[in-house]
Amino acid sequence: MLIDYHTHHERCGHAVGKLEEYVQRGIELGLGQLGLSDHMPLIHVDPAQYYPEMAMPMDELPRYVEEVLTLKEKYRDRIDIKLGLEGDYIEGYETEIQKIVEAYPWDYVIGSVHFLGEWDITDFRQTAGWEGRDPLEVYRTYYDALGKAAQTGFYDIVGHFDVIKRFGYAPKPEQSAEKEAFEEIALQHIATSGIAMELNASGLTKPCAEMFPSELILRRALEKGIPLTLGSDSHDPAKLSENLDKARFELRDLGVQQVATFDRRKRIMIPLVL
C-alpha cells in the first residue's frame, strides 16, 4: 500500500488546492492511505501582526476537521483518508498545543519545529534571521527544541528532522562533530519517546537538495529502532507524492521493510511497497 502522510492545503495560506482535490489526486496515484495534515493555527504570535499566509486561522480548525471527516466517509471505498495535523512545537506554549491535540479525533499529529521564538527558520521571507547569528548556536537551539518536542507525548511523528538545513545555512565544517552531537541527542529523545519519524522528500526541491533527514541521519535513526513513515510535504495537489518513489527506494536500500501508518493515534506497521 502506497502512502503519503504529509500534505498542505489552501487553508494554511501558503498552499493551493482544496482537500477534495488532494483526495482525488491520491486516488489517481493509487494511494492506499492519504494523510491530510495542515498546519496548526499560530498560537505564539498575533496572526494579524505577523507574516501573512503562515497557517490556518483558529476558527478554521474545526471546519478543517469536519471537512476531512466528511471526505473520509465519502471516499471510504476508494482511499483511506487520515485526519492529521502538523502541530508546531513552540517551547513555552505546551498547554496551548496540548489543548489542540486533545480537542479532535486525530489519526496522527506531526511534531515539527519551524519557529525559534518568533523566527520561522523554514520561511524564505525570513532568511535574514541568520544574519549576525552563530549557525552552530542556531542548530543547537533547534535540535534542543526538537528533542523536547519528542518528549512531550503530543506527537506521533517527528516532521522533517533536519529542516534547519533547508536554505543551506550550516555550522563550519570543523564544527561537524558538535552538530552531529546535537542531532544525536535529539535522535535519542525520539527513540526513547517511542514515536516515529518521517522521511520527507520535499527537501529534494529545496536549496539543500537533500531529503529530510539526510541519509546519514536516517541510518542513525534506524540503528536506534525509530519507525519511519513517508511524506511529500506537498503544497499543491499536482505535487502529491512528489519524489516519494525516491524515498521508498532509499528506505529499501537501507534495509527497511515496514513503514508506519496511524489510526486514531495508534501506530500500525505495514510492508514497504515500491
Protein backbone atom coordinates (compact mmCIF):
# COMPACT_ATOMS: atom_id res chain seq x y z
CA MET A 1 0.00 0.00 0.00
CA LEU A 2 1.36 3.40 -1.04
CA ILE A 3 1.05 6.22 1.48
CA ASP A 4 1.66 9.95 1.81
CA TYR A 5 1.29 11.35 5.32
CA HIS A 6 2.37 15.00 4.90
CA THR A 7 0.25 17.42 2.84
CA HIS A 8 -0.90 21.05 2.99
CA HIS A 9 -3.90 22.81 1.52
CA GLU A 10 -5.35 26.21 0.74
CA ARG A 11 -6.49 26.86 4.32
CA CYS A 12 -2.91 27.37 5.52
CA GLY A 13 -2.45 30.33 3.15
CA HIS A 14 0.81 29.25 1.52
CA ALA A 15 -0.50 26.18 -0.31
CA VAL A 16 -3.03 25.70 -3.10
CA GLY A 17 -5.74 23.14 -3.67
CA LYS A 18 -8.84 22.05 -1.85
CA LEU A 19 -8.85 18.99 0.37
CA GLU A 20 -11.04 17.11 -2.06
CA GLU A 21 -8.60 17.81 -4.90
CA TYR A 22 -5.90 16.11 -2.85
CA VAL A 23 -8.17 13.13 -2.27
CA GLN A 24 -8.98 12.83 -5.96
CA ARG A 25 -5.32 13.12 -6.90
CA GLY A 26 -4.44 10.48 -4.31
CA ILE A 27 -6.90 8.10 -5.93
CA GLU A 28 -5.37 8.80 -9.35
CA LEU A 29 -1.93 7.96 -7.96
CA GLY A 30 -3.14 4.72 -6.41
CA LEU A 31 -2.50 5.72 -2.82
CA GLY A 32 -3.91 3.34 -0.24
CA GLN A 33 -3.73 5.96 2.50
CA LEU A 34 -3.61 9.74 2.31
CA GLY A 35 -2.83 11.84 5.33
CA LEU A 36 -4.30 15.34 5.32
CA SER A 37 -2.11 17.28 7.74
CA ASP A 38 -2.45 21.01 7.54
CA HIS A 39 -0.60 23.44 9.80
CA MET A 40 -1.78 24.11 13.32
CA PRO A 41 -3.00 27.70 13.79
CA LEU A 42 -0.49 30.20 15.13
CA ILE A 43 -0.57 30.37 18.92
CA HIS A 44 2.51 32.35 19.93
CA VAL A 45 2.24 35.39 17.68
CA ASP A 46 -0.62 37.63 16.63
CA PRO A 47 -1.54 36.46 13.10
CA ALA A 48 -2.70 39.98 12.21
CA GLN A 49 0.73 41.42 13.05
CA TYR A 50 2.92 38.55 11.80
CA TYR A 51 3.92 37.46 8.32
CA PRO A 52 0.80 36.64 6.30
CA GLU A 53 -0.15 33.21 4.92
CA MET A 54 1.51 31.14 7.63
CA ALA A 55 -1.24 28.85 8.94
CA MET A 56 -4.99 28.41 9.06
CA PRO A 57 -6.92 30.80 11.33
CA MET A 58 -8.01 29.28 14.63
CA ASP A 59 -11.68 29.46 13.68
CA GLU A 60 -10.94 27.34 10.62
CA LEU A 61 -9.58 24.43 12.64
CA PRO A 62 -12.97 22.81 13.44
CA ARG A 63 -14.08 23.34 9.83
CA TYR A 64 -10.91 21.64 8.63
CA VAL A 65 -11.54 18.64 10.87
CA GLU A 66 -15.18 18.41 9.81
CA GLU A 67 -14.29 18.54 6.11
CA VAL A 68 -11.62 15.84 6.43
CA LEU A 69 -14.05 13.55 8.26
CA THR A 70 -16.70 14.17 5.60
CA LEU A 71 -14.24 13.29 2.83
CA LYS A 72 -13.09 10.23 4.77
CA GLU A 73 -16.65 8.91 4.71
CA LYS A 74 -17.39 9.99 1.13
CA TYR A 75 -14.35 8.21 -0.32
CA ARG A 76 -14.12 5.34 2.16
CA ASP A 77 -14.42 2.68 -0.57
CA ARG A 78 -11.70 4.24 -2.73
CA ILE A 79 -8.98 5.54 -0.39
CA ASP A 80 -8.28 5.58 3.34
CA ILE A 81 -8.17 9.22 4.44
CA LYS A 82 -6.34 10.02 7.67
CA LEU A 83 -7.07 13.08 9.79
CA GLY A 84 -3.73 14.64 10.57
CA LEU A 85 -2.20 17.86 11.82
CA GLU A 86 1.27 19.33 11.61
CA GLY A 87 1.45 20.68 15.12
CA ASP A 88 4.29 23.09 15.71
CA TYR A 89 6.25 22.62 18.89
CA ILE A 90 6.89 26.02 20.45
CA GLU A 91 8.65 25.97 23.77
CA GLY A 92 6.60 27.68 26.48
CA TYR A 93 3.28 27.04 24.72
CA GLU A 94 2.86 23.40 25.67
CA THR A 95 -0.53 23.97 27.33
CA GLU A 96 -1.97 25.59 24.21
CA ILE A 97 -0.60 22.83 21.98
CA GLN A 98 -1.97 20.12 24.24
CA LYS A 99 -5.46 21.62 24.08
CA ILE A 100 -5.45 21.45 20.29
CA VAL A 101 -4.04 17.93 20.23
CA GLU A 102 -6.65 16.67 22.68
CA ALA A 103 -9.64 18.51 21.19
CA TYR A 104 -10.06 16.50 17.98
CA PRO A 105 -10.04 12.84 16.85
CA TRP A 106 -6.70 12.96 15.05
CA ASP A 107 -5.31 9.85 13.43
CA TYR A 108 -1.85 11.33 13.90
CA VAL A 109 -0.07 14.55 14.78
CA ILE A 110 3.25 15.54 13.22
CA GLY A 111 5.57 17.34 15.61
CA SER A 112 7.67 19.88 13.74
CA VAL A 113 9.88 22.76 14.77
CA HIS A 114 9.55 25.74 12.45
CA PHE A 115 9.83 28.51 14.99
CA LEU A 116 12.69 29.52 17.22
CA GLY A 117 10.87 32.19 19.17
CA GLU A 118 9.12 34.31 16.55
CA TRP A 119 11.61 33.42 13.82
CA ASP A 120 10.40 30.80 11.34
CA ILE A 121 13.58 29.18 10.11
CA THR A 122 11.71 27.48 7.24
CA ASP A 123 10.23 30.66 5.73
CA PHE A 124 12.07 32.01 2.68
CA ARG A 125 10.98 35.53 3.71
CA GLN A 126 12.86 35.22 6.99
CA THR A 127 16.32 34.05 5.91
CA ALA A 128 17.71 37.39 7.09
CA GLY A 129 17.23 35.95 10.55
CA TRP A 130 20.52 34.10 10.08
CA GLU A 131 22.43 37.37 9.82
CA GLY A 132 24.56 38.04 12.87
CA ARG A 133 23.81 34.63 14.37
CA ASP A 134 26.24 31.80 15.01
CA PRO A 135 24.91 28.88 12.89
CA LEU A 136 26.18 26.34 15.41
CA GLU A 137 24.17 28.01 18.17
CA VAL A 138 21.07 28.08 15.97
CA TYR A 139 21.48 24.36 15.28
CA ARG A 140 21.90 23.70 18.99
CA THR A 141 18.71 25.60 19.81
CA TYR A 142 16.80 23.88 17.03
CA TYR A 143 17.76 20.32 17.98
CA ASP A 144 17.18 21.06 21.64
CA ALA A 145 13.61 22.09 20.76
CA LEU A 146 13.13 19.00 18.59
CA GLY A 147 14.23 16.75 21.43
CA LYS A 148 11.85 18.50 23.81
CA ALA A 149 9.02 18.09 21.30
CA ALA A 150 9.58 14.34 21.20
CA GLN A 151 9.36 14.14 24.97
CA THR A 152 6.01 15.96 25.29
CA GLY A 153 3.87 13.00 24.27
CA PHE A 154 1.85 15.28 21.98
CA TYR A 155 3.12 13.83 18.72
CA ASP A 156 3.11 10.59 16.74
CA ILE A 157 5.64 11.56 14.08
CA VAL A 158 8.64 13.90 14.07
CA GLY A 159 8.49 16.07 10.96
CA HIS A 160 11.38 16.90 8.63
CA PHE A 161 14.06 16.22 11.25
CA ASP A 162 16.86 18.35 9.79
CA VAL A 163 14.77 21.00 8.01
CA ILE A 164 17.09 23.59 9.53
CA LYS A 165 19.45 22.89 6.60
CA ARG A 166 16.76 23.96 4.10
CA PHE A 167 18.41 27.18 2.88
CA GLY A 168 21.98 25.93 3.10
CA TYR A 169 22.99 27.65 6.34
CA ALA A 170 25.17 25.38 8.43
CA PRO A 171 27.96 25.36 11.00
CA LYS A 172 31.53 25.35 9.74
CA PRO A 173 32.92 22.01 8.53
CA GLU A 174 35.26 21.87 11.52
CA GLN A 175 32.18 22.04 13.77
CA SER A 176 30.56 18.96 12.24
CA ALA A 177 31.23 16.82 15.32
CA GLU A 178 29.37 19.30 17.52
CA LYS A 179 26.48 19.46 15.06
CA GLU A 180 26.25 15.67 15.00
CA ALA A 181 26.21 15.62 18.78
CA PHE A 182 23.13 17.88 18.77
CA GLU A 183 21.47 15.59 16.23
CA GLU A 184 22.35 12.53 18.28
CA ILE A 185 20.74 13.88 21.44
CA ALA A 186 17.52 14.69 19.53
CA LEU A 187 17.50 11.23 17.93
CA GLN A 188 17.94 9.62 21.32
CA HIS A 189 14.94 11.54 22.69
CA ILE A 190 12.86 10.40 19.71
CA ALA A 191 13.93 6.79 20.21
CA THR A 192 13.20 6.92 23.93
CA SER A 193 9.79 8.50 23.34
CA GLY A 194 8.76 5.64 21.07
CA ILE A 195 7.39 7.85 18.32
CA ALA A 196 8.04 7.65 14.59
CA MET A 197 9.93 9.92 12.22
CA GLU A 198 9.14 10.79 8.62
CA LEU A 199 11.33 10.61 5.56
CA ASN A 200 10.22 13.87 3.96
CA ALA A 201 11.02 14.05 0.26
CA SER A 202 10.39 17.79 -0.13
CA GLY A 203 14.00 18.70 0.61
CA LEU A 204 14.98 17.46 -2.84
CA THR A 205 13.31 20.53 -4.35
CA LYS A 206 14.70 23.00 -1.81
CA PRO A 207 18.09 24.78 -1.84
CA CYS A 208 19.60 22.00 0.30
CA ALA A 209 18.69 19.47 -2.46
CA GLU A 210 18.50 16.63 0.05
CA MET A 211 15.68 14.81 1.77
CA PHE A 212 14.80 15.44 5.41
CA PRO A 213 16.61 13.77 7.07
CA SER A 214 19.88 13.12 5.27
CA GLU A 215 20.89 9.54 4.61
CA LEU A 216 23.50 9.71 7.37
CA ILE A 217 20.92 10.78 9.95
CA LEU A 218 18.45 8.24 8.59
CA ARG A 219 20.97 5.46 9.15
CA ARG A 220 21.47 6.59 12.74
CA ALA A 221 17.72 6.69 13.30
CA LEU A 222 17.38 3.14 12.01
CA GLU A 223 20.18 1.96 14.27
CA LYS A 224 18.09 3.27 17.19
CA GLY A 225 15.00 1.42 16.00
CA ILE A 226 12.99 4.56 15.20
CA PRO A 227 9.97 3.69 13.00
CA LEU A 228 9.66 5.64 9.76
CA THR A 229 6.80 6.93 7.66
CA LEU A 230 6.69 8.81 4.36
CA GLY A 231 5.58 12.32 3.44
CA SER A 232 5.85 14.51 0.37
CA ASP A 233 5.06 17.76 2.24
CA SER A 234 3.19 18.75 -0.90
CA HIS A 235 1.60 22.21 -1.06
CA ASP A 236 -0.18 21.57 -4.36
CA PRO A 237 -2.31 18.56 -5.40
CA ALA A 238 -0.20 18.29 -8.56
CA LYS A 239 2.84 17.59 -6.37
CA LEU A 240 1.22 14.98 -4.15
CA SER A 241 3.71 12.16 -3.51
CA GLU A 242 6.43 14.03 -5.40
CA ASN A 243 9.75 12.18 -5.05
CA LEU A 244 8.28 9.58 -2.70
CA ASP A 245 9.40 6.94 -5.17
CA LYS A 246 12.98 8.02 -4.42
CA ALA A 247 12.24 7.98 -0.70
CA ARG A 248 10.86 4.44 -0.88
CA PHE A 249 13.89 3.19 -2.80
CA GLU A 250 16.21 4.82 -0.28
CA LEU A 251 14.43 3.04 2.55
CA ARG A 252 14.62 -0.25 0.68
CA ASP A 253 18.33 0.20 0.08
CA LEU A 254 18.78 0.76 3.81
CA GLY A 255 17.01 -2.49 4.58
CA VAL A 256 13.69 -1.03 5.72
CA GLN A 257 10.83 -3.47 5.22
CA GLN A 258 7.96 -1.72 7.01
CA VAL A 259 6.65 1.83 7.35
CA ALA A 260 4.41 3.38 9.99
CA THR A 261 0.76 4.23 9.45
CA PHE A 262 -1.71 5.51 12.02
CA ASP A 263 -5.33 5.17 13.04
CA ARG A 264 -6.72 7.21 15.96
CA ARG A 265 -3.18 7.75 17.28
CA LYS A 266 -2.37 4.03 17.12
CA ARG A 267 0.68 3.10 15.04
CA ILE A 268 0.30 0.25 12.57
CA MET A 269 3.33 -1.02 10.67
CA ILE A 270 2.72 -2.11 7.08
CA PRO A 271 5.04 -3.52 4.38
CA LEU A 272 7.10 -1.04 2.41
CA VAL A 273 5.80 -1.08 -1.18
CA LEU A 274 7.87 0.20 -4.06
